[in-house]
Amino acid sequence: MSAREKIAYIKGLLDAGTPRDDFEMALYGAIVEALDAVVDDMDRQDESLVALTEELMDLSDYCDGLGEDLDAIEEGWLGEQVLDQEDVLVAEGDEPEGVDLYRPILCPYCSTMFYYRPDLCDENDTVQCPNCRRTFAPSEVELEEE
């Protein structure tokens, strides 16, 4: 028996019975109205849940489509060869040709450690700290060891 059916049953009992006074009738009527309001809220929540579930399924389908599109782009850039993460990792001390490695550096002003690419910097070039935004030459500071 659903909540709405149970409330209809209680209403039937109240209609069939004879309350002792007006206060009891008003009290029972208020209880039934409150139960009706609760069931109405539950019905609205059920409708909202159905709508949200449909939107979630649409979003999931959209994300699946994006994943497929990204896979197609990756295959287009790399040809038929798709690199796994193990393929691009290098062992410590090995620096194969063509692989750009980032180096850690410590900002002399705010002590924030960040990474930069030394192959893109000349001796006189400066780098900008992402935290304090000050610039300095990497040659001015001691590089952090990994």
Protein backbone atom coordinates (compact mmCIF):
# COMPACT_ATOMS: atom_id res chain seq x y z
CA MET A 1 0.00 0.00 0.00
CA SER A 2 1.45 3.36 -1.04
CA ALA A 3 1.57 6.40 1.24
CA ARG A 4 -1.20 8.08 -0.75
CA GLU A 5 -3.43 5.00 -0.38
CA LYS A 6 -2.79 4.89 3.38
CA ILE A 7 -3.76 8.57 3.71
CA ALA A 8 -6.97 7.91 1.73
CA TYR A 9 -7.72 5.03 4.13
CA ILE A 10 -7.23 7.34 7.16
CA LYS A 11 -9.50 9.94 5.55
CA GLY A 12 -12.16 7.26 5.05
CA LEU A 13 -11.93 6.23 8.69
CA LEU A 14 -12.30 9.85 9.80
CA ASP A 15 -15.29 10.38 7.55
CA ALA A 16 -17.00 7.20 8.77
CA GLY A 17 -16.34 7.80 12.46
CA THR A 18 -17.92 10.34 14.65
CA PRO A 19 -15.45 12.60 16.39
CA ARG A 20 -16.23 13.54 19.96
CA ASP A 21 -15.83 17.25 19.39
CA ASP A 22 -14.73 19.88 16.86
CA PHE A 23 -11.20 19.98 18.30
CA GLU A 24 -10.59 16.31 17.52
CA MET A 25 -11.96 16.78 14.01
CA ALA A 26 -9.68 19.78 13.43
CA LEU A 27 -6.70 17.89 14.87
CA TYR A 28 -7.27 14.82 12.70
CA GLY A 29 -7.86 17.03 9.66
CA ALA A 30 -4.57 18.87 10.26
CA ILE A 31 -2.70 15.57 10.58
CA VAL A 32 -4.18 14.32 7.30
CA GLU A 33 -3.30 17.61 5.56
CA ALA A 34 0.29 17.33 6.83
CA LEU A 35 0.51 13.77 5.55
CA ASP A 36 -0.87 14.92 2.18
CA ALA A 37 1.80 17.62 2.02
CA VAL A 38 4.52 15.05 2.80
CA VAL A 39 3.29 12.74 0.03
CA ASP A 40 3.11 15.67 -2.41
CA ASP A 41 6.73 16.58 -1.57
CA MET A 42 7.76 12.96 -2.08
CA ASP A 43 6.04 12.92 -5.49
CA ARG A 44 7.85 16.13 -6.52
CA GLN A 45 11.16 14.67 -5.34
CA ASP A 46 10.51 11.50 -7.34
CA GLU A 47 9.88 13.60 -10.45
CA SER A 48 13.04 15.61 -9.79
CA LEU A 49 15.03 12.43 -9.28
CA VAL A 50 13.81 11.05 -12.60
CA ALA A 51 14.73 14.30 -14.37
CA LEU A 52 18.17 14.41 -12.72
CA THR A 53 18.80 10.77 -13.61
CA GLU A 54 17.97 11.52 -17.24
CA GLU A 55 20.31 14.53 -17.22
CA LEU A 56 23.05 12.44 -15.63
CA MET A 57 22.66 9.77 -18.29
CA ASP A 58 22.84 12.46 -21.01
CA LEU A 59 25.98 13.87 -19.40
CA SER A 60 27.51 10.40 -19.19
CA ASP A 61 26.80 9.82 -22.89
CA TYR A 62 28.33 13.21 -23.71
CA CYS A 63 31.47 12.37 -21.71
CA ASP A 64 31.73 9.01 -23.45
CA GLY A 65 31.56 10.82 -26.78
CA LEU A 66 34.29 13.23 -25.67
CA GLY A 67 36.47 10.29 -24.66
CA GLU A 68 36.00 8.70 -28.07
CA ASP A 69 36.81 12.00 -29.77
CA LEU A 70 39.97 12.39 -27.69
CA ASP A 71 41.02 8.84 -28.55
CA ALA A 72 40.54 9.62 -32.24
CA ILE A 73 42.61 12.81 -31.93
CA GLU A 74 45.35 10.94 -30.06
CA GLU A 75 45.46 8.26 -32.75
CA GLY A 76 45.59 10.97 -35.43
CA TRP A 77 48.60 12.64 -33.81
CA LEU A 78 50.47 9.49 -32.97
CA GLY A 79 49.45 7.44 -35.98
CA GLU A 80 48.47 3.93 -35.05
CA GLN A 81 50.95 3.90 -32.18
CA VAL A 82 49.43 4.94 -28.85
CA LEU A 83 51.96 5.43 -26.07
CA ASP A 84 51.30 4.06 -22.62
CA GLN A 85 52.59 5.93 -19.59
CA GLU A 86 55.39 3.38 -19.18
CA ASP A 87 56.63 4.24 -22.68
CA VAL A 88 57.32 7.88 -21.83
CA LEU A 89 58.85 7.38 -18.38
CA VAL A 90 62.63 7.39 -18.30
CA ALA A 91 64.82 5.62 -15.81
CA GLU A 92 66.88 7.73 -13.42
CA GLY A 93 70.00 8.98 -15.17
CA ASP A 94 68.71 8.09 -18.64
CA GLU A 95 67.87 11.03 -20.85
CA PRO A 96 67.04 9.71 -24.30
CA GLU A 97 67.30 12.08 -27.22
CA GLY A 98 64.18 14.06 -28.02
CA VAL A 99 62.72 13.90 -24.50
CA ASP A 100 62.47 17.30 -22.80
CA LEU A 101 62.87 17.04 -19.06
CA TYR A 102 61.80 19.61 -16.52
CA ARG A 103 64.13 20.56 -13.70
CA PRO A 104 63.11 21.71 -10.22
CA ILE A 105 64.17 25.16 -9.08
CA LEU A 106 63.63 27.05 -5.81
CA CYS A 107 62.53 30.69 -5.96
CA PRO A 108 65.06 32.80 -4.01
CA TYR A 109 62.32 35.27 -3.00
CA CYS A 110 59.45 33.13 -1.71
CA SER A 111 61.08 29.64 -1.51
CA THR A 112 58.48 28.07 -3.81
CA MET A 113 59.74 25.08 -5.70
CA PHE A 114 58.58 24.80 -9.31
CA TYR A 115 59.79 23.20 -12.53
CA TYR A 116 61.22 24.74 -15.68
CA ARG A 117 62.76 23.49 -18.91
CA PRO A 118 66.45 24.34 -19.03
CA ASP A 119 66.67 23.45 -22.72
CA LEU A 120 64.45 26.48 -23.46
CA CYS A 121 66.57 28.91 -21.44
CA ASP A 122 69.85 30.56 -22.41
CA GLU A 123 72.38 31.62 -19.77
CA ASN A 124 70.97 35.17 -19.61
CA ASP A 125 67.26 34.20 -19.67
CA THR A 126 65.07 34.62 -16.63
CA VAL A 127 62.20 32.53 -15.28
CA GLN A 128 59.15 33.80 -13.43
CA CYS A 129 58.04 32.26 -10.14
CA PRO A 130 54.40 31.14 -10.38
CA ASN A 131 53.81 32.12 -6.73
CA CYS A 132 55.35 35.58 -6.22
CA ARG A 133 55.66 36.48 -9.95
CA ARG A 134 59.23 37.76 -9.55
CA THR A 135 61.77 36.92 -12.23
CA PHE A 136 65.29 35.65 -11.76
CA ALA A 137 67.96 33.82 -13.70
CA PRO A 138 68.18 30.07 -13.03
CA SER A 139 71.96 30.44 -12.91
CA GLU A 140 71.57 32.69 -9.82
CA VAL A 141 70.08 29.95 -7.66
CA GLU A 142 71.10 26.47 -6.73
CA LEU A 143 68.95 23.89 -8.49
CA GLU A 144 67.02 21.43 -6.31
CA GLU A 145 67.94 17.79 -6.70
CA GLU A 146 65.06 15.43 -7.47
